[in-house]
């Protein structure tokens, strides 16, 4: 059981609106993030219903995730740990204008295995 890997690309307009960057009209900035697949542990109690975890991390100017925290728990400790582990390994790369740290919030959804 896993969530899909997610790639995010935000245009310069979104960064300007969120206050992440200040750009002149001739500059173009791109943000690309890779968030690894979160895998529900085989050793954990099987899920009987979907579990959604909302995780937040501070993405540094070098693209690493720091201060990874669960903002909304699934009420399933194994799912929460798997989501935090995936977000801990997330990376982002900012190109164009000066890189700025930012907060990234990502949902992870774990579905019960079918046919069990």
Protein backbone atom coordinates (compact mmCIF):
# COMPACT_ATOMS: atom_id res chain seq x y z
CA UNK A 1 0.00 0.00 0.00
CA UNK A 2 1.51 3.26 -1.03
CA UNK A 3 0.83 6.76 -2.14
CA UNK A 4 2.03 7.86 -5.49
CA UNK A 5 5.18 9.89 -5.86
CA UNK A 6 4.42 13.51 -6.39
CA UNK A 7 6.21 16.09 -8.50
CA UNK A 8 5.28 19.71 -8.00
CA UNK A 9 6.06 22.50 -10.37
CA UNK A 10 4.98 25.98 -9.32
CA UNK A 11 5.17 28.86 -11.77
CA UNK A 12 6.74 32.16 -10.83
CA UNK A 13 3.31 33.75 -10.44
CA UNK A 14 2.36 31.35 -7.63
CA UNK A 15 5.65 32.02 -5.86
CA UNK A 16 5.09 35.77 -6.10
CA UNK A 17 1.55 35.50 -4.75
CA UNK A 18 2.68 33.38 -1.82
CA UNK A 19 5.49 35.79 -0.99
CA UNK A 20 8.20 33.20 -1.65
CA UNK A 21 10.08 35.24 -4.21
CA UNK A 22 10.48 38.69 -5.66
CA UNK A 23 11.08 38.59 -9.39
CA UNK A 24 11.32 41.12 -12.15
CA UNK A 25 9.25 40.53 -15.25
CA UNK A 26 12.28 39.25 -17.17
CA UNK A 27 13.07 36.51 -14.63
CA UNK A 28 11.44 33.11 -14.58
CA UNK A 29 11.57 30.87 -11.56
CA UNK A 30 10.64 27.22 -11.21
CA UNK A 31 10.19 25.01 -8.18
CA UNK A 32 10.39 21.24 -8.60
CA UNK A 33 9.82 18.87 -5.70
CA UNK A 34 10.16 15.11 -5.47
CA UNK A 35 8.26 13.49 -2.62
CA UNK A 36 9.03 9.78 -2.25
CA UNK A 37 6.29 7.20 -2.09
CA UNK A 38 5.09 6.55 1.45
CA UNK A 39 4.87 2.81 2.09
CA UNK A 40 2.61 1.38 4.79
CA UNK A 41 4.66 -1.21 6.73
CA UNK A 42 3.87 -4.88 6.10
CA UNK A 43 4.44 -5.54 9.80
CA UNK A 44 1.71 -3.09 10.87
CA UNK A 45 -1.90 -4.00 11.52
CA UNK A 46 -3.73 -4.15 8.16
CA UNK A 47 -5.86 -1.13 7.35
CA UNK A 48 -9.63 -1.55 7.35
CA UNK A 49 -10.29 1.94 5.95
CA UNK A 50 -8.26 4.60 4.15
CA UNK A 51 -5.82 6.55 6.33
CA UNK A 52 -4.90 10.13 5.41
CA UNK A 53 -1.95 11.92 7.00
CA UNK A 54 -1.15 15.60 6.43
CA UNK A 55 2.56 16.32 6.87
CA UNK A 56 4.41 19.66 6.82
CA UNK A 57 8.13 20.32 6.35
CA UNK A 58 10.38 23.34 6.12
CA UNK A 59 12.18 23.08 2.79
CA UNK A 60 15.61 24.71 3.00
CA UNK A 61 17.33 26.73 0.30
CA UNK A 62 19.45 23.64 -0.42
CA UNK A 63 16.26 21.62 -1.03
CA UNK A 64 16.26 19.44 2.08
CA UNK A 65 13.27 18.81 4.37
CA UNK A 66 13.62 19.90 8.00
CA UNK A 67 11.24 20.10 10.97
CA UNK A 68 8.93 17.44 9.50
CA UNK A 69 5.71 17.26 11.51
CA UNK A 70 2.28 15.68 11.27
CA UNK A 71 -0.31 18.45 11.04
CA UNK A 72 -3.31 16.11 10.78
CA UNK A 73 -2.93 12.56 12.07
CA UNK A 74 -4.61 9.54 10.53
CA UNK A 75 -5.02 8.16 14.06
CA UNK A 76 -2.86 5.25 12.88
CA UNK A 77 0.70 5.44 14.24
CA UNK A 78 2.20 3.25 11.48
CA UNK A 79 0.67 5.40 8.72
CA UNK A 80 1.80 8.60 10.44
CA UNK A 81 5.38 7.30 10.77
CA UNK A 82 5.46 6.17 7.12
CA UNK A 83 4.27 9.60 5.94
CA UNK A 84 6.85 11.43 8.08
CA UNK A 85 9.59 9.13 6.78
CA UNK A 86 8.62 9.84 3.16
CA UNK A 87 8.47 13.60 3.73
CA UNK A 88 11.86 13.51 5.49
CA UNK A 89 13.35 12.28 2.20
CA UNK A 90 11.57 14.89 0.04
CA UNK A 91 13.75 17.21 -2.02
CA UNK A 92 13.00 20.46 -3.84
CA UNK A 93 15.02 22.45 -6.33
CA UNK A 94 14.44 26.12 -7.06
CA UNK A 95 15.82 27.53 -10.29
CA UNK A 96 15.87 31.08 -11.53
CA UNK A 97 15.66 33.70 -8.81
CA UNK A 98 17.30 33.43 -5.39
CA UNK A 99 16.20 30.30 -3.52
CA UNK A 100 14.10 30.86 -0.40
CA UNK A 101 13.07 28.45 2.36
CA UNK A 102 9.36 27.61 2.38
CA UNK A 103 6.82 25.38 4.10
CA UNK A 104 5.55 22.39 2.13
CA UNK A 105 2.40 20.56 3.23
CA UNK A 106 1.61 17.21 1.64
CA UNK A 107 -1.23 14.71 2.16
CA UNK A 108 -0.40 11.00 2.14
CA UNK A 109 -3.27 8.54 1.62
CA UNK A 110 -2.94 4.87 2.50
CA UNK A 111 -5.60 2.52 1.11
CA UNK A 112 -6.47 -0.92 2.52
CA UNK A 113 -5.16 -3.81 0.46
CA UNK A 114 -7.87 -5.41 -1.65
CA UNK A 115 -8.69 -9.08 -1.57
CA UNK A 116 -7.65 -9.78 2.00
